[in-house]
């Protein structure tokens, strides 16, 4: 079932616009909070990304990673708000990293080929994502803290499919959005041990 969702979600331009708006709100809230180091005003210091996997027609601003910079001389520290669009430094959008890895669980060679062609990625990349979920992510402090919030015990080999199943909603994009929101803390420096490589 989840492999069917990949195509539906990854072609949904409205879904990607929704993710962009969620990130805008996150950046706005972070800016209002001021610098976490000195409480000074934060200025926008966005930077461009070249995300793969977003559908044709996604908003142009989708490729901008919202970021903030302290206005006070002597501090000038950067704050990059959490994101539902990007999963840390991954080249592919977060939705692809979640859905493709979930669809890889119990894959057939034909399914892997279709997923790879849909997103223009290699099979090796998809296998690396699944490995990251089941090793580095599963061993992270972030996941250990997350396990206490989930309704059932999740084993490493069940990731990321178990997250989609636990947060299942009636619509594929709603489920994907719920998982991406759950993962927001690993999109900034707050959980470095869970950061994708």
Protein backbone atom coordinates (compact mmCIF):
# COMPACT_ATOMS: atom_id res chain seq x y z
CA UNK A 1 0.00 0.00 0.00
CA UNK A 2 2.70 2.51 0.99
CA UNK A 3 4.52 2.17 -2.33
CA UNK A 4 1.32 3.38 -4.05
CA UNK A 5 1.30 6.42 -1.76
CA UNK A 6 4.73 7.51 -2.96
CA UNK A 7 3.44 8.47 -6.40
CA UNK A 8 0.26 10.09 -5.04
CA UNK A 9 2.06 12.23 -2.47
CA UNK A 10 5.18 13.05 -4.45
CA UNK A 11 3.13 14.43 -7.36
CA UNK A 12 0.81 16.50 -5.15
CA UNK A 13 1.79 20.15 -5.70
CA UNK A 14 -0.74 21.32 -3.09
CA UNK A 15 0.90 19.08 -0.49
CA UNK A 16 4.28 20.69 -1.15
CA UNK A 17 2.70 24.15 -0.87
CA UNK A 18 1.25 23.07 2.50
CA UNK A 19 4.72 21.99 3.69
CA UNK A 20 6.16 25.32 2.57
CA UNK A 21 3.52 27.19 4.57
CA UNK A 22 4.23 25.07 7.67
CA UNK A 23 7.92 25.97 7.39
CA UNK A 24 7.08 29.65 6.97
CA UNK A 25 5.08 29.54 10.20
CA UNK A 26 7.93 27.74 12.00
CA UNK A 27 10.44 30.38 10.83
CA UNK A 28 8.12 33.20 11.87
CA UNK A 29 7.66 31.73 15.35
CA UNK A 30 11.42 31.25 15.72
CA UNK A 31 12.05 34.83 14.63
CA UNK A 32 9.56 36.20 17.16
CA UNK A 33 11.38 34.31 19.92
CA UNK A 34 14.59 36.22 19.30
CA UNK A 35 18.13 34.91 19.48
CA UNK A 36 18.29 31.91 21.83
CA UNK A 37 21.82 32.96 22.88
CA UNK A 38 21.38 36.68 23.62
CA UNK A 39 17.67 37.46 23.00
CA UNK A 40 18.53 40.03 20.27
CA UNK A 41 16.41 40.48 17.15
CA UNK A 42 16.81 37.82 14.45
CA UNK A 43 17.11 38.75 10.78
CA UNK A 44 16.27 36.50 7.83
CA UNK A 45 19.32 34.80 6.37
CA UNK A 46 17.72 32.24 4.06
CA UNK A 47 19.77 30.16 1.69
CA UNK A 48 19.01 28.24 -1.45
CA UNK A 49 18.70 24.48 -1.65
CA UNK A 50 18.38 22.28 -4.72
CA UNK A 51 15.96 19.68 -3.40
CA UNK A 52 15.27 16.63 -5.50
CA UNK A 53 11.93 14.88 -5.51
CA UNK A 54 9.62 17.91 -5.41
CA UNK A 55 7.03 17.80 -8.20
CA UNK A 56 7.10 20.08 -11.21
CA UNK A 57 4.96 23.08 -10.34
CA UNK A 58 5.96 23.16 -6.66
CA UNK A 59 6.23 26.77 -5.43
CA UNK A 60 9.55 28.36 -6.40
CA UNK A 61 10.20 29.30 -2.78
CA UNK A 62 10.15 25.59 -1.90
CA UNK A 63 13.87 25.55 -2.73
CA UNK A 64 14.67 28.16 -0.05
CA UNK A 65 15.75 26.94 3.39
CA UNK A 66 14.52 29.44 5.94
CA UNK A 67 17.25 30.56 8.29
CA UNK A 68 17.80 33.37 10.78
CA UNK A 69 20.82 35.29 12.01
CA UNK A 70 21.31 37.25 15.22
CA UNK A 71 21.47 41.03 14.70
CA UNK A 72 23.81 41.74 17.63
CA UNK A 73 27.51 42.30 16.94
CA UNK A 74 29.52 39.82 18.92
CA UNK A 75 26.83 37.17 18.66
CA UNK A 76 25.65 36.84 15.05
CA UNK A 77 24.77 33.22 15.64
CA UNK A 78 22.65 31.47 13.03
CA UNK A 79 19.38 29.75 13.87
CA UNK A 80 17.90 27.37 11.33
CA UNK A 81 14.30 26.61 12.30
CA UNK A 82 12.91 23.10 12.14
CA UNK A 83 11.47 22.03 8.80
CA UNK A 84 8.92 19.60 7.37
CA UNK A 85 10.32 20.04 3.85
CA UNK A 86 13.94 19.07 4.41
CA UNK A 87 15.33 16.20 6.46
CA UNK A 88 18.58 17.85 7.56
CA UNK A 89 21.12 17.89 4.74
CA UNK A 90 19.51 15.26 2.54
CA UNK A 91 19.36 16.25 -1.11
CA UNK A 92 15.90 14.73 -1.52
CA UNK A 93 12.86 16.24 0.15
CA UNK A 94 11.87 14.75 3.51
CA UNK A 95 8.66 13.19 2.18
CA UNK A 96 10.67 11.13 -0.30
CA UNK A 97 13.08 9.91 2.39
CA UNK A 98 10.16 8.72 4.54
CA UNK A 99 7.91 7.24 1.85
CA UNK A 100 10.53 5.57 -0.33
CA UNK A 101 12.25 3.93 2.64
CA UNK A 102 8.86 2.69 3.92
CA UNK A 103 7.98 1.33 0.49
CA UNK A 104 11.34 -0.47 0.39
CA UNK A 105 10.31 -2.65 3.32
CA UNK A 106 9.42 -5.93 1.70
CA UNK A 107 10.37 -4.63 -1.76
CA UNK A 108 10.26 -6.42 -5.03
CA UNK A 109 12.88 -5.56 -7.68
CA UNK A 110 10.13 -4.09 -9.89
CA UNK A 111 8.88 -1.83 -7.08
CA UNK A 112 12.38 -0.52 -6.36
CA UNK A 113 12.82 0.21 -10.06
CA UNK A 114 9.51 2.13 -10.27
CA UNK A 115 10.31 4.20 -7.16
CA UNK A 116 13.79 4.99 -8.46
CA UNK A 117 12.42 6.10 -11.82
CA UNK A 118 9.65 8.20 -10.25
CA UNK A 119 12.11 10.29 -8.26
CA UNK A 120 15.14 10.03 -10.54
CA UNK A 121 17.26 8.36 -7.86
CA UNK A 122 19.43 5.29 -7.77
CA UNK A 123 18.45 2.09 -6.02
CA UNK A 124 21.59 2.46 -3.95
CA UNK A 125 20.26 5.77 -2.58
CA UNK A 126 16.95 4.16 -1.59
CA UNK A 127 18.77 1.29 0.14
CA UNK A 128 21.02 3.78 1.97
CA UNK A 129 17.93 5.63 3.26
CA UNK A 130 16.41 2.42 4.62
CA UNK A 131 19.73 1.54 6.26
CA UNK A 132 19.91 5.01 7.86
CA UNK A 133 16.41 4.62 9.32
CA UNK A 134 17.13 1.19 10.77
CA UNK A 135 20.62 1.90 12.13
CA UNK A 136 21.59 5.49 12.79
CA UNK A 137 18.09 6.86 13.35
CA UNK A 138 17.00 3.81 15.39
CA UNK A 139 20.09 4.20 17.61
CA UNK A 140 19.67 7.93 18.18
CA UNK A 141 18.70 9.64 21.42
CA UNK A 142 15.89 11.30 19.46
CA UNK A 143 14.33 7.95 18.54
CA UNK A 144 14.73 6.64 22.08
CA UNK A 145 12.82 9.67 23.37
CA UNK A 146 10.25 9.30 20.59
CA UNK A 147 9.55 5.68 21.47
CA UNK A 148 7.94 6.82 24.70
CA UNK A 149 5.39 8.85 22.74
CA UNK A 150 4.40 6.11 20.30
CA UNK A 151 1.47 3.83 21.04
CA UNK A 152 3.47 0.65 20.63
CA UNK A 153 7.03 -0.61 20.83
CA UNK A 154 8.78 -0.02 17.50
CA UNK A 155 11.77 -2.13 16.54
CA UNK A 156 14.56 -0.79 14.32
CA UNK A 157 13.70 -3.10 11.43
CA UNK A 158 10.15 -1.67 11.35
CA UNK A 159 11.35 1.86 10.57
CA UNK A 160 10.13 4.04 8.93
CA UNK A 161 7.02 2.07 7.99
CA UNK A 162 5.92 1.79 11.64
CA UNK A 163 5.80 5.60 11.94
CA UNK A 164 3.42 5.81 8.98
CA UNK A 165 1.27 3.03 10.42
CA UNK A 166 1.10 4.56 13.91
CA UNK A 167 0.27 8.05 12.58
CA UNK A 168 -2.04 6.74 9.85
CA UNK A 169 -4.70 9.19 8.67
CA UNK A 170 -7.42 8.75 6.02
CA UNK A 171 -5.36 10.55 3.34
CA UNK A 172 -1.77 9.74 2.29
CA UNK A 173 -0.64 13.35 2.45
CA UNK A 174 -2.08 13.81 5.97
CA UNK A 175 -0.18 10.76 7.21
CA UNK A 176 3.03 11.93 5.53
CA UNK A 177 2.62 15.41 7.02
CA UNK A 178 2.11 13.94 10.51
CA UNK A 179 5.33 11.91 10.24
CA UNK A 180 7.29 14.91 8.91
CA UNK A 181 6.04 17.04 11.81
CA UNK A 182 7.07 14.34 14.25
CA UNK A 183 10.57 14.35 12.73
CA UNK A 184 11.02 18.15 12.77
CA UNK A 185 13.52 18.16 15.66
CA UNK A 186 16.11 16.29 13.58
CA UNK A 187 15.99 18.98 10.90
CA UNK A 188 17.96 21.42 13.04
CA UNK A 189 20.99 21.04 15.27
CA UNK A 190 18.87 19.97 18.26
CA UNK A 191 19.32 16.25 17.59
CA UNK A 192 22.68 15.84 15.81
CA UNK A 193 22.94 12.10 16.46
CA UNK A 194 19.84 11.52 14.34
CA UNK A 195 21.00 13.70 11.46
CA UNK A 196 20.99 11.93 8.08
CA UNK A 197 24.31 11.61 6.29
